[in-house]
Amino acid sequence: MGPSGRKIRKEQSLGTNDEKVAWDLIKKMVTNGETKPAEPPKTVVQSIDGFLELEAGRGIAESTLRSFRKFLCGNPKRDPNGSYSTTLLEFAAHQGKQYLQEFTPELVAKLIGSWNVKGRALEVQHERLKHFFKFSYQMKWIPENPAANLKRPKVQKEPVYAFPKEDREAILRAVADDPFLLAANLTMRYTALAPVDLVFLKPHNLHGDRIVTKRRKTGNRVNVKIPPVLVERLNRLPVQAGGNRLGADSDHETATGNLRRMMRPYFRAAKVYQRDEHSEVVLDENSEPLLGHLYQWRHTFVHMHIMNDTPVSRIAELIGDNMKTVMETYAHFIEERQAQLDTAAEQSWNGESLEEYRLT
């Protein structure tokens, strides 16, 4: 109890529930001439609320905020019986930790180990967690950053390959009777726009025979000429409620998710599956073939320009990215290119000088 007869509460004053420690702190403050106690430590709830509020205030994208919200405190609309990763809020409750400063590096590592995500999702969530604790430390909500020395998770990445010629033809045949999906697939085929860029195309992005827009991921400008047939098809599509040609008046996660779901039966009907570098069909954990997906059109666009010997710098401009990404992410080996590589190898031979080594 304090001098006024009230119980000293950690969250209100001194940062401790221990009465002896509290009085020692008061004596120390009196000795040092301090007139009011230090700010109490932030609870996990207060830290999460403060972080989300401040990030929203600086103009962070709503989709990024949702991503933070999902792993920090969960989506309030999610299925309570679903198999989700433990949120920071849930983990703190399970561990009996009320204050953010109670998190140690070991506890943060234990939280990461409880996540039910893998691949790119694991990388993104890991970076979000590091950002949250770094932000909290910079705001002086915690005395130390327990995530400062976290190493990036080791993720086995399955490369995404371009559609081979037969798959390209099969997909376009499968959606031929659906004007919307045919236009969507043709647009990705001839522009390399990602689905997230595609669903936000508006009439003003169509400039005669070209599409001019900005990539949502990089912010880079894209200006790419398209075939007359595609121009006609895009102009005939009705404008959606949000003013978009190929998407609805909704956030990009919903719009792209809807587009992916619409395409699944067509990929299945066309028997278009994901393939590895040996052109073998990739199987999931249940030994079922993984269906192809729309993002492969972007890889296909890059591959076809490589086949036509377009300089990498120009490809990067066309797709709104950089040369490093073109070579490391999109320029995967495809069997169709082997003939070109063989020809290039043969052209490097010097037939006359090799003759002297012929067996007699």
Protein backbone atom coordinates (compact mmCIF):
# COMPACT_ATOMS: atom_id res chain seq x y z
CA MET A 1 0.00 0.00 0.00
CA GLY A 2 1.16 3.57 -0.69
CA PRO A 3 1.03 6.63 1.53
CA SER A 4 -2.54 7.37 0.45
CA GLY A 5 -3.69 3.87 1.31
CA ARG A 6 -3.95 2.85 -2.36
CA LYS A 7 -2.15 -0.18 -3.66
CA ILE A 8 0.77 0.77 -5.84
CA ARG A 9 0.08 -0.54 -9.35
CA LYS A 10 2.87 -1.26 -11.78
CA GLU A 11 1.07 -0.02 -14.82
CA GLN A 12 0.19 3.29 -13.13
CA SER A 13 3.46 4.30 -11.55
CA LEU A 14 6.71 2.56 -10.74
CA GLY A 15 6.85 -0.42 -13.08
CA THR A 16 6.78 -3.07 -10.35
CA ASN A 17 4.26 -5.02 -8.28
CA ASP A 18 6.80 -5.65 -5.52
CA GLU A 19 6.04 -3.35 -2.56
CA LYS A 20 9.63 -3.34 -1.22
CA VAL A 21 11.05 -2.53 -4.65
CA ALA A 22 8.45 0.22 -5.05
CA TRP A 23 9.43 1.91 -1.78
CA ASP A 24 13.11 1.62 -2.65
CA LEU A 25 12.38 3.39 -5.93
CA ILE A 26 10.44 6.13 -4.13
CA LYS A 27 13.32 6.68 -1.67
CA LYS A 28 15.76 6.85 -4.56
CA MET A 29 13.63 9.45 -6.35
CA VAL A 30 13.35 11.54 -3.21
CA THR A 31 17.11 11.37 -2.73
CA ASN A 32 17.69 12.45 -6.31
CA GLY A 33 15.21 15.28 -6.01
CA GLU A 34 12.71 13.77 -8.45
CA THR A 35 9.13 14.91 -8.00
CA LYS A 36 7.31 12.31 -10.07
CA PRO A 37 7.91 8.66 -10.88
CA ALA A 38 9.26 7.53 -14.24
CA GLU A 39 6.89 6.54 -17.01
CA PRO A 40 5.48 3.05 -16.40
CA PRO A 41 6.50 0.35 -18.88
CA LYS A 42 4.28 -0.38 -21.85
CA THR A 43 2.12 -3.45 -21.77
CA VAL A 44 2.11 -5.70 -24.82
CA VAL A 45 -1.39 -4.45 -25.66
CA GLN A 46 -0.38 -0.81 -25.33
CA SER A 47 2.70 -1.37 -27.47
CA ILE A 48 0.74 -3.05 -30.26
CA ASP A 49 -1.96 -0.37 -30.21
CA GLY A 50 0.60 2.41 -30.19
CA PHE A 51 2.63 0.85 -32.97
CA LEU A 52 -0.37 0.37 -35.27
CA GLU A 53 -1.66 3.88 -34.58
CA LEU A 54 1.68 5.55 -35.26
CA GLU A 55 2.36 3.48 -38.38
CA ALA A 56 -1.08 4.34 -39.74
CA GLY A 57 -0.39 8.00 -38.97
CA ARG A 58 2.72 8.04 -41.12
CA GLY A 59 0.77 6.78 -44.13
CA ILE A 60 1.74 3.10 -44.24
CA ALA A 61 -0.36 1.11 -46.72
CA GLU A 62 -3.50 -0.47 -45.27
CA SER A 63 -2.45 -3.86 -46.67
CA THR A 64 0.84 -3.64 -44.73
CA LEU A 65 -1.01 -2.60 -41.59
CA ARG A 66 -3.26 -5.65 -41.95
CA SER A 67 -0.19 -7.83 -42.28
CA PHE A 68 1.20 -6.43 -39.03
CA ARG A 69 -2.17 -6.74 -37.32
CA LYS A 70 -2.51 -10.41 -38.31
CA PHE A 71 0.61 -11.62 -36.54
CA LEU A 72 0.59 -9.07 -33.69
CA CYS A 73 -2.98 -9.47 -32.49
CA GLY A 74 -4.86 -11.54 -35.09
CA ASN A 75 -7.68 -10.85 -37.51
CA PRO A 76 -10.93 -10.40 -35.56
CA LYS A 77 -12.87 -11.99 -38.43
CA ARG A 78 -10.79 -15.16 -38.68
CA ASP A 79 -12.25 -18.60 -38.07
CA PRO A 80 -11.75 -19.37 -34.35
CA ASN A 81 -11.25 -23.03 -35.26
CA GLY A 82 -8.70 -22.34 -38.00
CA SER A 83 -5.06 -23.40 -37.90
CA TYR A 84 -3.25 -20.08 -37.48
CA SER A 85 0.14 -19.06 -36.17
CA THR A 86 0.27 -17.83 -32.59
CA THR A 87 0.02 -14.05 -32.50
CA LEU A 88 2.32 -11.95 -30.33
CA LEU A 89 -0.63 -11.13 -28.08
CA GLU A 90 -1.62 -14.79 -27.67
CA PHE A 91 1.97 -15.86 -27.09
CA ALA A 92 2.47 -13.22 -24.38
CA ALA A 93 -0.69 -14.42 -22.62
CA HIS A 94 0.40 -18.06 -22.81
CA GLN A 95 3.81 -17.15 -21.37
CA GLY A 96 2.31 -14.96 -18.63
CA LYS A 97 4.04 -11.84 -19.94
CA GLN A 98 2.11 -8.59 -19.54
CA TYR A 99 4.84 -6.09 -20.44
CA LEU A 100 6.77 -5.85 -23.67
CA GLN A 101 10.07 -5.35 -21.84
CA GLU A 102 9.70 -8.88 -20.45
CA PHE A 103 10.51 -10.32 -23.88
CA THR A 104 14.03 -11.70 -24.12
CA PRO A 105 15.88 -12.90 -27.26
CA GLU A 106 15.13 -16.47 -26.18
CA LEU A 107 11.43 -15.71 -25.84
CA VAL A 108 11.32 -14.03 -29.25
CA ALA A 109 12.98 -17.09 -30.79
CA LYS A 110 10.40 -19.30 -29.08
CA LEU A 111 7.61 -17.15 -30.55
CA ILE A 112 9.03 -17.58 -34.06
CA GLY A 113 9.25 -21.32 -33.51
CA SER A 114 5.51 -21.39 -32.77
CA TRP A 115 4.53 -19.92 -36.15
CA ASN A 116 2.65 -22.08 -38.61
CA VAL A 117 4.04 -20.46 -41.76
CA LYS A 118 6.81 -21.25 -44.20
CA GLY A 119 8.48 -19.98 -47.34
CA ARG A 120 8.01 -16.34 -48.27
CA ALA A 121 5.31 -15.91 -45.60
CA LEU A 122 7.85 -16.86 -42.91
CA GLU A 123 10.35 -14.33 -44.25
CA VAL A 124 7.77 -11.55 -44.30
CA GLN A 125 6.48 -12.31 -40.79
CA HIS A 126 10.07 -12.46 -39.48
CA GLU A 127 10.80 -9.01 -40.93
CA ARG A 128 7.55 -7.62 -39.51
CA LEU A 129 8.50 -8.87 -36.04
CA LYS A 130 11.98 -7.32 -36.24
CA HIS A 131 10.47 -4.03 -37.38
CA PHE A 132 7.97 -4.00 -34.49
CA PHE A 133 10.62 -4.53 -31.81
CA LYS A 134 13.04 -2.07 -33.44
CA PHE A 135 10.26 0.53 -33.54
CA SER A 136 9.38 -0.14 -29.89
CA TYR A 137 13.03 0.27 -28.89
CA GLN A 138 13.38 3.53 -30.82
CA MET A 139 10.24 4.83 -29.09
CA LYS A 140 11.87 3.92 -25.76
CA TRP A 141 9.04 1.58 -24.86
CA ILE A 142 11.60 -1.13 -24.08
CA PRO A 143 15.15 -0.73 -22.70
CA GLU A 144 16.63 -3.25 -25.15
CA ASN A 145 15.64 -4.73 -28.49
CA PRO A 146 15.31 -8.52 -28.03
CA ALA A 147 15.03 -9.05 -31.80
CA ALA A 148 18.11 -7.03 -32.76
CA ASN A 149 20.33 -10.03 -33.46
CA LEU A 150 17.75 -12.32 -35.06
CA LYS A 151 19.07 -14.00 -38.18
CA ARG A 152 16.95 -14.39 -41.28
CA PRO A 153 15.15 -17.75 -41.41
CA LYS A 154 16.51 -20.33 -43.81
CA VAL A 155 13.79 -20.83 -46.37
CA GLN A 156 13.80 -23.40 -49.14
CA LYS A 157 12.50 -21.45 -52.09
CA GLU A 158 10.92 -23.20 -55.04
CA PRO A 159 11.69 -21.13 -58.13
CA VAL A 160 8.80 -20.04 -60.31
CA TYR A 161 9.19 -21.02 -63.95
CA ALA A 162 7.71 -19.61 -67.12
CA PHE A 163 4.87 -21.37 -68.90
CA PRO A 164 6.16 -23.59 -71.71
CA LYS A 165 4.56 -23.05 -75.13
CA GLU A 166 1.99 -25.84 -74.76
CA ASP A 167 0.82 -24.49 -71.37
CA ARG A 168 0.47 -20.96 -72.73
CA GLU A 169 -1.77 -22.20 -75.51
CA ALA A 170 -3.78 -24.48 -73.18
CA ILE A 171 -4.53 -21.66 -70.73
CA LEU A 172 -5.71 -19.25 -73.43
CA ARG A 173 -7.89 -21.96 -74.99
CA ALA A 174 -9.40 -22.76 -71.60
CA VAL A 175 -10.50 -19.15 -70.93
CA ALA A 176 -11.43 -18.34 -74.54
CA ASP A 177 -15.16 -18.15 -73.77
CA ASP A 178 -14.73 -15.79 -70.82
CA PRO A 179 -13.98 -12.25 -72.12
CA PHE A 180 -12.83 -11.04 -68.72
CA LEU A 181 -10.39 -13.88 -67.98
CA LEU A 182 -9.13 -13.97 -71.57
CA ALA A 183 -8.35 -10.24 -71.43
CA ALA A 184 -6.72 -10.66 -68.01
CA ASN A 185 -4.45 -13.49 -69.15
CA LEU A 186 -3.55 -11.75 -72.41
CA THR A 187 -2.70 -8.58 -70.50
CA MET A 188 -0.34 -10.43 -68.19
CA ARG A 189 1.12 -12.31 -71.15
CA TYR A 190 1.99 -9.13 -73.06
CA THR A 191 2.79 -6.71 -70.21
CA ALA A 192 4.25 -8.82 -67.37
CA LEU A 193 2.02 -6.97 -64.93
CA ALA A 194 1.55 -8.86 -61.68
CA PRO A 195 -2.03 -9.73 -60.63
CA VAL A 196 -1.94 -6.95 -58.02
CA ASP A 197 -1.18 -4.41 -60.78
CA LEU A 198 -3.69 -5.92 -63.14
CA VAL A 199 -6.74 -5.61 -60.89
CA PHE A 200 -6.23 -1.86 -60.51
CA LEU A 201 -5.97 -0.98 -64.19
CA LYS A 202 -8.32 1.87 -65.04
CA PRO A 203 -9.36 3.28 -68.44
CA HIS A 204 -6.84 6.14 -68.15
CA ASN A 205 -4.01 3.56 -67.96
CA LEU A 206 -4.74 2.57 -71.57
CA HIS A 207 -3.02 5.12 -73.83
CA GLY A 208 -3.87 4.11 -77.37
CA ASP A 209 -1.82 1.00 -78.02
CA ARG A 210 0.03 0.93 -74.72
CA ILE A 211 -0.52 0.49 -71.00
CA VAL A 212 1.06 3.12 -68.76
CA THR A 213 0.89 2.55 -65.00
CA LYS A 214 2.97 2.17 -61.85
CA ARG A 215 3.81 -1.12 -60.20
CA ARG A 216 2.30 -1.32 -56.74
CA LYS A 217 5.26 -3.28 -55.36
CA THR A 218 8.13 -1.11 -56.57
CA GLY A 219 6.43 2.15 -57.52
CA ASN A 220 8.30 1.99 -60.84
CA ARG A 221 6.63 3.29 -63.97
CA VAL A 222 5.63 0.78 -66.64
CA ASN A 223 5.04 1.83 -70.24
CA VAL A 224 4.56 -1.15 -72.53
CA LYS A 225 3.09 -1.46 -76.01
CA ILE A 226 0.39 -4.12 -76.45
CA PRO A 227 -1.09 -5.90 -79.51
CA PRO A 228 -4.10 -4.31 -81.27
CA VAL A 229 -6.26 -7.36 -80.45
CA LEU A 230 -5.66 -6.80 -76.74
CA VAL A 231 -6.41 -3.08 -77.07
CA GLU A 232 -9.81 -3.96 -78.55
CA ARG A 233 -10.60 -6.48 -75.84
CA LEU A 234 -9.65 -4.11 -73.02
CA ASN A 235 -11.75 -1.30 -74.48
CA ARG A 236 -14.78 -3.61 -74.64
CA LEU A 237 -14.59 -4.67 -71.01
CA PRO A 238 -17.15 -2.91 -68.79
CA VAL A 239 -15.74 -0.58 -66.16
CA GLN A 240 -16.19 -2.04 -62.67
CA ALA A 241 -17.71 -0.22 -59.69
CA GLY A 242 -14.32 1.12 -58.58
CA GLY A 243 -13.47 2.43 -62.03
CA ASN A 244 -11.24 -0.56 -62.82
CA ARG A 245 -11.22 -2.64 -65.98
CA LEU A 246 -9.98 -5.90 -64.53
CA GLY A 247 -10.74 -5.67 -60.82
CA ALA A 248 -13.46 -4.69 -58.37
CA ASP A 249 -13.83 -1.83 -55.92
CA SER A 250 -12.00 -3.65 -53.11
CA ASP A 251 -8.57 -3.97 -51.56
CA HIS A 252 -5.86 -5.66 -53.57
CA GLU A 253 -5.76 -8.81 -51.42
CA THR A 254 -9.45 -9.47 -52.03
CA ALA A 255 -9.27 -8.57 -55.74
CA THR A 256 -6.20 -10.69 -56.50
CA GLY A 257 -7.54 -13.52 -54.34
CA ASN A 258 -10.77 -13.54 -56.32
CA LEU A 259 -8.84 -13.60 -59.58
CA ARG A 260 -6.71 -16.54 -58.44
CA ARG A 261 -9.80 -18.47 -57.34
CA MET A 262 -11.51 -17.79 -60.68
CA MET A 263 -8.52 -19.21 -62.55
CA ARG A 264 -8.07 -22.44 -60.60
CA PRO A 265 -10.69 -24.50 -62.46
CA TYR A 266 -9.24 -23.32 -65.77
CA PHE A 267 -5.70 -24.32 -64.81
CA ARG A 268 -7.13 -27.68 -63.75
CA ALA A 269 -9.11 -28.11 -66.99
CA ALA A 270 -6.07 -27.14 -69.07
CA LYS A 271 -3.87 -29.50 -67.01
CA VAL A 272 -1.38 -26.72 -66.39
CA TYR A 273 0.80 -27.50 -63.40
CA GLN A 274 3.89 -26.00 -61.81
CA ARG A 275 7.10 -27.58 -63.11
CA ASP A 276 10.69 -27.68 -61.90
CA GLU A 277 13.91 -27.03 -63.83
CA HIS A 278 13.65 -30.52 -65.34
CA SER A 279 10.09 -29.84 -66.58
CA GLU A 280 8.78 -32.33 -64.03
CA VAL A 281 5.43 -31.57 -62.37
CA VAL A 282 5.83 -30.25 -58.81
CA LEU A 283 3.81 -32.15 -56.17
CA ASP A 284 2.45 -30.89 -52.86
CA GLU A 285 2.79 -32.63 -49.48
CA ASN A 286 -0.08 -34.96 -50.45
CA SER A 287 1.62 -35.93 -53.73
CA GLU A 288 -0.97 -33.94 -55.69
CA PRO A 289 0.22 -31.79 -58.63
CA LEU A 290 0.42 -28.09 -57.87
CA LEU A 291 -1.68 -26.02 -60.24
CA GLY A 292 -0.05 -23.29 -62.27
CA HIS A 293 -0.62 -19.71 -61.18
CA LEU A 294 -1.02 -16.31 -62.78
CA TYR A 295 2.34 -14.91 -61.66
CA GLN A 296 4.01 -17.31 -64.06
CA TRP A 297 2.93 -14.99 -66.90
CA ARG A 298 5.45 -12.45 -65.60
CA HIS A 299 8.22 -15.02 -65.77
CA THR A 300 6.98 -16.01 -69.22
CA PHE A 301 7.21 -12.43 -70.47
CA VAL A 302 10.83 -12.15 -69.29
CA HIS A 303 11.71 -15.55 -70.74
CA MET A 304 10.33 -14.70 -74.16
CA HIS A 305 12.32 -11.46 -74.26
CA ILE A 306 15.46 -13.35 -73.27
CA MET A 307 14.71 -15.77 -76.12
CA ASN A 308 14.54 -12.74 -78.44
CA ASP A 309 17.86 -11.42 -77.06
CA THR A 310 16.30 -8.27 -75.58
CA PRO A 311 18.96 -6.58 -73.37
CA VAL A 312 18.39 -7.17 -69.66
CA SER A 313 18.30 -3.41 -69.00
CA ARG A 314 15.34 -3.06 -71.39
CA ILE A 315 13.53 -6.04 -69.89
CA ALA A 316 13.90 -4.41 -66.45
CA GLU A 317 12.33 -1.21 -67.78
CA LEU A 318 9.47 -3.09 -69.41
CA ILE A 319 8.52 -4.94 -66.22
CA GLY A 320 9.14 -2.05 -63.81
CA ASP A 321 11.97 -3.75 -61.94
CA ASN A 322 15.79 -3.81 -61.89
CA MET A 323 18.38 -5.89 -63.76
CA LYS A 324 19.40 -7.85 -60.67
CA THR A 325 15.82 -9.01 -60.10
CA VAL A 326 15.46 -9.93 -63.78
CA MET A 327 18.50 -12.20 -63.66
CA GLU A 328 18.04 -13.68 -60.17
CA THR A 329 14.26 -14.05 -60.06
CA TYR A 330 12.83 -14.25 -63.57
CA ALA A 331 15.54 -15.52 -65.91
CA HIS A 332 15.28 -19.19 -64.95
CA PHE A 333 16.38 -21.87 -67.34
CA ILE A 334 13.69 -23.12 -69.71
CA GLU A 335 14.18 -26.01 -72.11
CA GLU A 336 13.19 -23.90 -75.13
CA ARG A 337 16.33 -21.83 -74.71
CA GLN A 338 18.69 -24.79 -74.87
CA ALA A 339 18.81 -24.71 -78.68
CA GLN A 340 19.98 -21.09 -78.56
CA LEU A 341 22.60 -21.93 -75.97
CA ASP A 342 23.82 -24.85 -78.09
CA THR A 343 24.16 -22.58 -81.11
CA ALA A 344 26.08 -20.00 -79.08
CA ALA A 345 28.43 -22.72 -77.83
CA GLU A 346 29.03 -24.02 -81.36
CA GLN A 347 29.79 -20.53 -82.63
CA SER A 348 32.58 -20.24 -80.08
CA TRP A 349 34.36 -23.25 -81.50
CA ASN A 350 37.33 -22.70 -83.78
CA GLY A 351 37.05 -25.51 -86.29
CA GLU A 352 40.46 -25.06 -87.89
CA SER A 353 42.40 -25.13 -84.63
CA LEU A 354 40.46 -28.17 -83.46
CA GLU A 355 41.38 -30.20 -86.55
CA GLU A 356 44.88 -30.88 -85.29
CA TYR A 357 43.39 -32.77 -82.35
CA ARG A 358 41.27 -35.09 -84.48
CA LEU A 359 41.91 -38.79 -83.95
CA THR A 360 43.42 -40.55 -86.94
